[in-house]
């Protein structure tokens, strides 16, 4: 598993773009995009087309601050 930082925005009910930056662990970029869309969509009751992923970057274990992601990548 690798750690990734995902940045982007989503449309909240007030019709403004809400920015987000989250860390996730996944096998590759496609898997982390799928996981991000699924997680944000279910948490905020959004459709996939309402979520805009701007950037996905792989990060090292030293840059990870989320304890769940650290555990998943084996740090």
Protein backbone atom coordinates (compact mmCIF):
# COMPACT_ATOMS: atom_id res chain seq x y z
CA UNK A 1 0.00 0.00 0.00
CA UNK A 2 1.09 3.55 -0.74
CA UNK A 3 0.04 6.82 0.87
CA UNK A 4 -1.56 9.58 -1.20
CA UNK A 5 -2.68 13.17 -0.62
CA UNK A 6 -5.88 14.06 -2.49
CA UNK A 7 -6.94 17.68 -2.95
CA UNK A 8 -10.04 19.04 -4.60
CA UNK A 9 -13.47 20.46 -3.87
CA UNK A 10 -17.11 19.48 -3.76
CA UNK A 11 -20.41 21.32 -4.08
CA UNK A 12 -22.09 21.65 -0.71
CA UNK A 13 -25.85 22.35 -0.31
CA UNK A 14 -25.29 26.13 -0.22
CA UNK A 15 -23.99 25.91 -3.82
CA UNK A 16 -20.43 26.91 -2.98
CA UNK A 17 -17.30 24.84 -3.57
CA UNK A 18 -15.97 23.34 -0.35
CA UNK A 19 -12.23 22.52 -0.61
CA UNK A 20 -10.78 19.34 0.88
CA UNK A 21 -7.37 17.76 1.39
CA UNK A 22 -7.27 14.19 2.70
CA UNK A 23 -4.73 11.42 3.07
CA UNK A 24 -5.56 7.86 2.05
CA UNK A 25 -3.78 4.58 1.51
CA UNK A 26 -4.32 2.52 -1.65
CA UNK A 27 -2.49 0.38 -4.17
CA UNK A 28 -2.41 2.94 -7.02
CA UNK A 29 -3.81 6.28 -8.20
CA UNK A 30 -6.97 4.83 -9.73
CA UNK A 31 -7.80 2.96 -6.54
CA UNK A 32 -7.31 6.03 -4.36
CA UNK A 33 -9.53 8.16 -6.64
CA UNK A 34 -12.28 5.54 -6.40
CA UNK A 35 -11.90 5.37 -2.62
CA UNK A 36 -11.99 9.17 -2.32
CA UNK A 37 -15.15 9.51 -4.42
CA UNK A 38 -16.82 6.75 -2.44
CA UNK A 39 -15.86 8.13 0.98
CA UNK A 40 -16.71 11.79 0.37
CA UNK A 41 -19.89 10.89 -1.52
CA UNK A 42 -21.22 8.70 1.26
CA UNK A 43 -20.16 11.07 4.05
CA UNK A 44 -21.76 14.17 2.50
CA UNK A 45 -24.53 12.51 0.44
CA UNK A 46 -23.07 13.66 -2.88
CA UNK A 47 -23.03 12.21 -6.38
CA UNK A 48 -19.67 11.51 -7.99
CA UNK A 49 -20.11 14.33 -10.52
CA UNK A 50 -20.37 16.82 -7.62
CA UNK A 51 -16.84 15.98 -6.43
CA UNK A 52 -13.85 17.49 -8.24
CA UNK A 53 -10.46 15.88 -7.61
CA UNK A 54 -7.79 18.43 -8.52
CA UNK A 55 -4.59 16.61 -7.57
CA UNK A 56 -3.43 13.20 -6.36
CA UNK A 57 0.17 12.98 -5.14
CA UNK A 58 2.03 10.08 -3.58
CA UNK A 59 3.59 11.01 -0.24
CA UNK A 60 6.26 9.35 1.86
CA UNK A 61 5.62 7.79 5.25
CA UNK A 62 7.26 10.77 6.98
CA UNK A 63 4.68 13.18 5.54
CA UNK A 64 1.66 11.18 6.69
CA UNK A 65 -0.16 12.71 9.67
CA UNK A 66 -3.26 10.48 9.75
CA UNK A 67 -2.64 7.57 12.18
CA UNK A 68 -4.98 5.23 10.27
CA UNK A 69 -3.06 5.77 7.02
CA UNK A 70 0.25 5.28 8.86
CA UNK A 71 -0.98 1.92 10.12
CA UNK A 72 -2.25 0.89 6.68
CA UNK A 73 1.08 1.58 4.99
CA UNK A 74 3.04 -0.11 7.76
CA UNK A 75 4.79 2.87 9.35
